[in-house]
Protein backbone atom coordinates (compact mmCIF):
# COMPACT_ATOMS: atom_id res chain seq x y z
CA MET A 1 -16.33 74.34 153.05
CA SER A 2 -13.51 75.51 150.65
CA ASN A 3 -13.99 78.13 147.41
CA LYS A 4 -14.35 76.67 143.90
CA LEU A 5 -13.44 80.51 142.92
CA LEU A 6 -11.95 83.68 144.73
CA ILE A 7 -12.18 86.12 141.12
CA VAL A 8 -11.82 89.50 141.70
CA PHE A 9 -11.16 92.45 139.36
CA LEU A 10 -9.27 96.07 140.56
CA PRO A 11 -11.18 99.06 139.47
CA PHE A 12 -10.44 102.76 140.08
CA PHE A 13 -9.97 102.10 143.14
CA LEU A 14 -7.38 98.25 143.93
CA LEU A 15 -9.16 95.56 146.58
CA VAL A 16 -6.45 95.22 149.62
CA SER A 17 -5.92 91.32 149.50
CA SER A 18 -6.38 89.66 153.56
CA ALA A 19 -3.71 87.51 151.54
CA ILE A 20 -1.23 90.39 151.39
CA ALA A 21 -1.66 91.65 154.57
CA GLU A 22 0.49 94.81 154.08
CA ASP A 23 0.24 98.91 153.23
CA ALA A 24 0.54 99.32 149.77
CA THR A 25 3.53 101.84 150.75
CA GLY A 26 6.22 101.54 146.77
CA LYS A 27 4.75 102.63 143.90
CA VAL A 28 3.87 99.22 143.11
CA THR A 29 1.16 98.46 144.46
CA PRO A 30 1.41 94.72 145.74
CA GLU A 31 -1.47 92.87 145.40
CA ILE A 32 -1.88 94.35 141.76
CA LEU A 33 0.78 91.39 140.61
CA ARG A 34 -1.85 88.46 141.24
CA CYS A 35 -2.63 90.16 137.82
CA VAL A 36 0.21 88.79 136.12
CA VAL A 37 1.08 85.53 134.78
CA LYS A 38 3.81 84.03 133.79
CA LEU A 39 3.04 81.94 130.41
CA GLU A 40 5.01 78.96 129.20
CA THR A 41 4.72 77.49 124.92
CA ASN A 42 4.53 74.80 123.95
CA PRO A 43 7.62 72.60 123.62
CA ASP A 44 9.52 72.48 120.69
CA ALA A 45 10.75 69.57 118.72
CA SER A 46 14.19 69.44 121.14
CA GLY A 47 11.97 70.10 124.04
CA LYS A 48 12.50 73.69 124.17
CA TYR A 49 10.05 76.23 124.85
CA GLU A 50 9.20 80.07 125.32
CA ARG A 51 9.15 82.13 128.63
CA GLY A 52 7.15 85.47 128.55
CA THR A 53 4.20 86.99 130.98
CA GLY A 54 -0.16 87.64 130.51
CA PHE A 55 -2.04 89.82 132.53
CA PHE A 56 -5.69 89.21 133.01
CA VAL A 57 -8.23 92.24 132.49
CA SER A 58 -12.00 91.92 132.65
CA GLU A 59 -14.75 94.23 131.71
CA SER A 60 -18.56 94.24 132.44
CA VAL A 61 -21.18 93.34 129.87
CA SER A 62 -24.65 93.70 130.70
CA ARG A 63 -27.38 92.47 128.10
CA GLY A 64 -31.03 91.86 128.65
CA GLY A 65 -30.82 93.18 131.83
CA LYS A 66 -28.33 90.61 133.20
CA GLN A 67 -24.98 91.54 133.97
CA THR A 68 -21.38 89.26 133.87
CA ARG A 69 -18.11 89.72 133.86
CA ARG A 70 -15.70 88.61 130.80
CA THR A 71 -11.86 87.62 132.09
CA PHE A 72 -9.98 88.21 129.59
CA LEU A 73 -5.72 87.36 128.77
CA VAL A 74 -2.97 89.43 127.02
CA THR A 75 -0.47 88.59 125.99
CA ASN A 76 2.12 89.30 122.84
CA LYS A 77 1.14 87.79 119.52
CA HIS A 78 5.25 86.61 119.69
CA MET A 79 3.77 84.40 121.94
CA VAL A 80 1.72 82.49 120.26
CA GLY A 81 2.65 82.16 116.87
CA ASP A 82 5.82 83.48 114.80
CA TRP A 83 5.47 87.21 114.79
CA THR A 84 8.54 89.20 113.89
CA TRP A 85 8.73 92.62 113.74
CA SER A 86 10.42 92.37 111.02
CA SER A 87 8.19 89.69 109.49
CA PRO A 88 4.32 90.40 110.90
CA VAL A 89 2.07 87.89 110.09
CA ILE A 90 2.02 84.81 111.60
CA LYS A 91 2.89 82.07 108.92
CA ASN A 92 2.92 79.04 112.18
CA TYR A 93 0.73 78.99 115.53
CA LYS A 94 1.91 77.38 119.23
CA ASP A 95 -0.64 74.31 119.60
CA TYR A 96 -1.21 76.24 123.42
CA ILE A 97 0.45 77.92 125.98
CA ASN A 98 0.18 77.86 129.11
CA ALA A 99 -0.98 80.00 132.47
CA ILE A 100 0.90 79.89 135.48
CA VAL A 101 -1.99 80.78 138.14
CA TYR A 102 -2.28 82.05 141.14
CA THR A 103 -4.61 79.17 144.38
CA VAL A 104 -6.40 79.02 147.17
CA HIS A 105 -4.83 76.27 148.63
CA PRO A 106 -1.23 75.47 148.40
CA ILE A 107 -0.64 72.57 146.19
CA GLU A 108 2.77 70.99 147.47
CA GLY A 109 3.51 74.27 149.59
CA LYS A 110 3.09 76.31 146.67
CA TYR A 111 0.03 78.50 145.57
CA TYR A 112 0.25 78.04 141.80
CA LYS A 113 -0.47 75.91 139.12
CA LYS A 114 -0.61 75.27 135.14
CA LEU A 115 -3.96 76.59 133.36
CA ARG A 116 -3.43 75.21 129.74
CA VAL A 117 -4.51 77.35 127.22
CA ASN A 118 -4.96 75.97 123.95
CA ILE A 119 -4.38 78.78 120.51
CA LYS A 120 -5.41 75.41 118.24
CA GLU A 121 -8.99 73.85 117.95
CA ARG A 122 -8.41 69.81 117.81
CA ASP A 123 -9.11 71.56 114.41
CA ASN A 124 -6.87 72.85 113.80
CA ASN A 125 -8.29 75.60 113.61
CA LEU A 126 -7.74 78.75 115.86
CA ASN A 127 -9.60 78.89 119.03
CA HIS A 128 -12.71 80.81 118.91
CA ILE A 129 -11.23 82.15 122.09
CA LEU A 130 -8.47 83.88 120.31
CA ARG A 131 -8.62 87.36 118.84
CA ILE A 132 -5.77 89.33 117.32
CA HIS A 133 -5.06 92.52 116.48
CA PRO A 134 -6.07 92.61 113.06
CA ASN A 135 -2.93 95.57 112.24
CA PRO A 136 -0.58 93.50 111.39
CA ASN A 137 2.01 95.46 113.45
CA ILE A 138 0.99 95.27 116.66
CA ASP A 139 1.97 93.01 118.85
CA VAL A 140 -1.15 91.87 120.78
CA VAL A 141 -4.00 88.81 121.27
CA ILE A 142 -6.43 88.11 124.04
CA PHE A 143 -8.10 85.31 124.95
CA ASP A 144 -11.22 85.19 126.90
CA LEU A 145 -10.61 82.76 129.80
CA THR A 146 -14.09 83.61 131.52
CA GLU A 147 -15.76 80.46 131.51
CA GLU A 148 -12.25 78.34 131.66
CA ILE A 149 -11.73 80.46 134.57
CA ASP A 150 -15.32 78.92 135.80
CA LYS A 151 -14.55 75.95 134.91
CA THR A 152 -10.97 75.29 136.79
CA ASP A 153 -11.52 74.58 140.30
CA ASP A 154 -9.76 76.53 144.01
CA LEU A 155 -8.13 79.62 141.28
CA ASN A 156 -7.38 82.97 143.04
CA ILE A 157 -7.11 84.70 140.20
CA ARG A 158 -7.04 88.77 140.45
CA SER A 159 -7.28 91.15 136.87
CA PHE A 160 -7.18 94.39 136.05
CA ASP A 161 -10.99 96.95 135.05
CA VAL A 162 -10.22 98.33 131.97
CA SER A 163 -10.73 101.48 133.02
CA TYR A 164 -6.95 100.66 134.28
CA LEU A 165 -6.32 100.83 130.87
CA MET A 166 -5.30 103.87 130.04
CA PRO A 167 -5.20 105.56 126.72
CA PHE A 168 -2.47 106.86 124.78
CA TYR A 169 -3.42 110.67 124.72
CA SER A 170 -3.74 110.78 127.95
CA ILE A 171 -0.76 109.67 130.16
CA SER A 172 0.78 113.28 129.09
CA ASP A 173 -2.93 114.46 131.14
CA GLN A 174 -0.92 112.46 134.09
CA LEU A 175 1.16 115.33 135.10
CA ILE A 176 3.89 112.55 133.32
CA GLY A 177 7.12 113.12 130.73
CA ILE A 178 9.93 112.02 130.24
CA GLY A 179 12.11 110.78 133.22
CA ASP A 180 9.44 109.42 134.91
CA GLN A 181 9.56 106.29 137.28
CA VAL A 182 7.76 103.15 135.36
CA PHE A 183 7.20 100.10 135.84
CA ALA A 184 7.45 96.31 133.77
CA LEU A 185 6.12 93.80 135.56
CA GLY A 186 6.63 90.22 134.48
CA TYR A 187 9.36 87.42 134.14
CA PRO A 188 12.88 88.49 132.67
CA PHE A 189 13.97 85.01 132.53
CA GLY A 190 11.85 83.08 133.77
CA ILE A 191 12.57 84.65 137.31
CA SER A 192 9.75 84.85 139.64
CA SER A 193 9.03 84.28 143.53
CA VAL A 194 9.13 80.57 145.19
CA LYS A 195 5.78 80.24 147.48
CA HIS A 196 3.18 82.35 144.71
CA ASN A 197 5.38 83.10 141.73
CA PHE A 198 4.82 86.76 141.55
CA PRO A 199 5.97 88.77 138.52
CA ILE A 200 9.49 90.84 138.98
CA ALA A 201 8.06 94.30 138.92
CA LYS A 202 11.24 95.81 137.09
CA SER A 203 11.99 100.08 136.55
CA GLY A 204 12.34 101.81 133.55
CA TYR A 205 11.64 105.70 132.41
CA ILE A 206 10.00 107.32 129.94
CA ALA A 207 12.31 107.66 126.37
CA SER A 208 10.03 109.19 124.81
CA ILE A 209 7.46 112.30 124.20
CA PRO A 210 3.92 110.89 126.54
CA SER A 211 1.09 110.73 123.58
CA GLU A 212 3.04 110.62 120.83
CA PRO A 213 2.99 108.02 118.02
CA PHE A 214 6.62 106.61 117.45
CA TYR A 215 8.16 105.14 114.47
CA SER A 216 11.01 102.85 113.86
CA GLN A 217 13.26 101.78 111.11
CA VAL A 218 12.85 98.21 110.34
CA LEU A 219 16.07 96.14 108.34
CA ILE A 220 13.63 93.35 106.47
CA ASP A 221 16.10 90.50 104.39
CA GLU A 222 20.03 92.51 105.61
CA ASP A 223 21.59 89.01 105.11
CA SER A 224 19.79 89.07 101.13
CA ASP A 225 21.52 91.57 98.80
CA GLN A 226 19.10 93.90 99.08
CA PRO A 227 17.67 94.71 101.71
CA VAL A 228 14.57 96.30 102.33
CA ILE A 229 14.47 99.03 105.22
CA LYS A 230 10.62 99.07 106.12
CA ARG A 231 9.14 101.85 108.36
CA VAL A 232 6.46 101.00 110.95
CA ALA A 233 4.29 103.22 112.84
CA ALA A 234 2.09 103.46 115.89
CA ASP A 235 1.40 104.52 119.25
CA ILE A 236 4.08 103.14 121.20
CA THR A 237 5.79 104.48 124.45
CA VAL A 238 9.67 103.73 124.18
CA ILE A 239 10.97 103.25 127.63
CA ASP A 240 14.87 103.53 129.00
CA GLY A 241 15.23 100.50 130.56
CA LEU A 242 16.85 96.86 129.57
CA ILE A 243 13.52 94.02 129.04
CA VAL A 244 14.99 90.67 128.75
CA PRO A 245 13.50 87.73 127.20
CA GLY A 246 10.22 86.74 130.08
CA ASN A 247 9.24 90.08 130.07
CA SER A 248 7.45 89.66 127.03
CA GLY A 249 3.60 90.59 127.38
CA GLY A 250 3.56 91.90 130.76
CA PRO A 251 2.24 95.43 131.89
CA VAL A 252 4.02 98.43 131.96
CA ILE A 253 2.39 100.45 134.36
CA LEU A 254 3.07 103.97 136.43
CA ALA A 255 4.85 105.05 139.77
CA ASN A 256 2.28 105.21 142.50
CA GLU A 257 3.00 108.77 143.60
CA LEU A 258 2.66 112.38 143.76
CA LYS A 259 3.65 114.51 140.47
CA SER A 260 4.63 117.60 139.37
CA ARG A 261 5.83 119.53 136.99
CA ARG A 262 6.53 123.00 134.75
CA ASP A 263 3.35 124.05 133.07
CA PRO A 264 5.01 124.62 129.55
CA LYS A 265 2.31 127.81 128.65
CA THR A 266 3.04 129.75 132.81
CA ASN A 267 6.16 128.39 133.53
CA GLN A 268 4.39 127.45 137.03
CA VAL A 269 4.71 124.07 139.49
CA GLN A 270 1.86 122.85 139.05
CA PHE A 271 1.18 119.28 141.93
CA SER A 272 -1.12 116.43 141.58
CA SER A 273 -3.90 116.38 143.73
CA LYS A 274 -3.47 112.54 144.70
CA GLN A 275 -1.01 109.60 144.05
CA THR A 276 -0.86 108.46 140.65
CA GLU A 277 -2.43 105.26 140.42
CA ASN A 278 -0.48 102.05 138.68
CA TYR A 279 -2.83 102.51 135.52
CA ILE A 280 -2.08 99.92 132.68
CA ILE A 281 0.03 102.93 129.97
CA GLY A 282 0.96 99.50 128.16
CA ILE A 283 1.75 95.81 126.69
CA VAL A 284 5.62 95.08 126.49
CA SER A 285 7.04 94.33 123.55
CA TYR A 286 10.58 93.89 122.49
CA GLY A 287 14.22 95.43 123.49
CA PHE A 288 16.26 97.07 120.68
CA SER A 289 19.15 94.64 121.15
CA GLY A 290 21.80 96.56 123.79
CA SER A 291 20.28 100.06 123.46
CA GLY A 292 18.29 99.30 126.65
CA LEU A 293 15.45 100.80 125.22
CA SER A 294 12.13 98.61 125.17
CA PHE A 295 8.55 99.19 122.70
CA VAL A 296 5.49 99.28 124.58
CA PHE A 297 2.78 99.34 122.71
CA SER A 298 -0.38 101.00 123.74
CA THR A 299 -3.14 100.22 125.89
CA ASP A 300 -6.01 101.41 123.06
CA TYR A 301 -5.45 98.06 121.22
CA ILE A 302 -6.18 96.64 124.24
CA ARG A 303 -9.50 97.68 124.70
CA SER A 304 -9.91 98.04 120.53
CA LEU A 305 -10.12 93.90 120.88
CA ILE A 306 -11.99 93.16 124.05
CA GLU A 307 -14.67 96.23 122.84
CA THR A 308 -15.28 94.29 119.94
CA TYR A 309 -14.81 90.67 121.27
CA ILE A 310 -17.93 91.77 123.01
CA GLU A 311 -19.86 93.65 120.27
CA GLU A 312 -18.97 90.33 118.21
CA LYS A 313 -20.77 87.46 120.97
CA PHE A 314 -22.54 88.75 122.48
CA PRO A 315 -24.75 92.51 120.65
CA VAL A 316 -26.43 94.34 122.03
CA PRO A 317 -30.45 93.46 120.77
CA ARG A 318 -31.93 95.42 118.42
CA LEU A 319 -35.92 96.77 118.55
CA LYS A 320 -37.82 96.43 115.58
CA LEU A 321 -39.74 99.58 114.57
CA ILE A 322 -43.27 98.59 114.36
CA ASN A 323 -44.05 100.70 111.11
CA ASP A 324 -40.59 98.57 109.79
CA PRO A 325 -41.42 96.24 106.70
CA SER A 326 -39.68 93.40 107.75
CA ASN A 327 -42.03 93.70 111.02
CA LEU A 328 -45.58 93.25 108.62
CA SER A 329 -46.52 90.23 108.20
CA ASN A 330 -47.72 89.62 104.98
CA ARG A 331 -51.71 89.66 104.93
CA ASP A 332 -53.92 89.49 102.42
CA ASP A 333 -56.98 92.08 104.88
């Protein structure tokens, strides 16, 4: 009997699939590649479409004694609409994006297929499974694809547990500093492996002080007679590593290695007790043309979207107190 669906989440320890029968001897554990997928937008009037990256994050939800797991597709605002850094309010949304997801069985020799994710519903309103970060300057969106994944045959989905989203102010606690190596997982210029459509692990280096907010000055309406300079601040890590079209929306992860640093207070060399896991420190947004520098938004923005969505969709039942007047029936006796 064939499996209809195989969905696995990755907690603090990574589950190693038999589909990749090799030891994780490199700096990126091979299994996490399955958490990352290629995205393609619906074509425009000329037939052109944009490519980008998304990744799956899941969280356990416990309500009324029952426990379920919600699976979210994470990507950028500019993958779903006309968001730009200088003009961050989306005015026009795309109709849908295609996520190229992994399958259990081959289809014409390839272990992946397209999964359509609607951005708009039939009434032209935004899909109820889509959540857009309320801060217009934060380039992050999520889709709750739990039901879509459950009803689609033969998927082989992996996801990061939310515990793998490293909080912005915890990055420096991992003995991480300027010049340390990270990897952007994604599909630069649409490049991927042929058989499985795995992403590319593109190397980069931390270029800003970890856990310290960063800001940028953006020129708005530069073609006008009176251009405006906008100052934008956010929890951002700057990466020295050329990020190109196709990488947008992908996760940036720490290298799997032993870390050391010199304590600035004691001047003593500190060593980590175990290898650093491939924790996610942020999501790729965009790069400065010609500079080799790229902005990576904190995972805190992803986590807050997921938590808010779960609270809205699956509210915790509130116990009514006996002495609560709203619980007392109107009786004449």
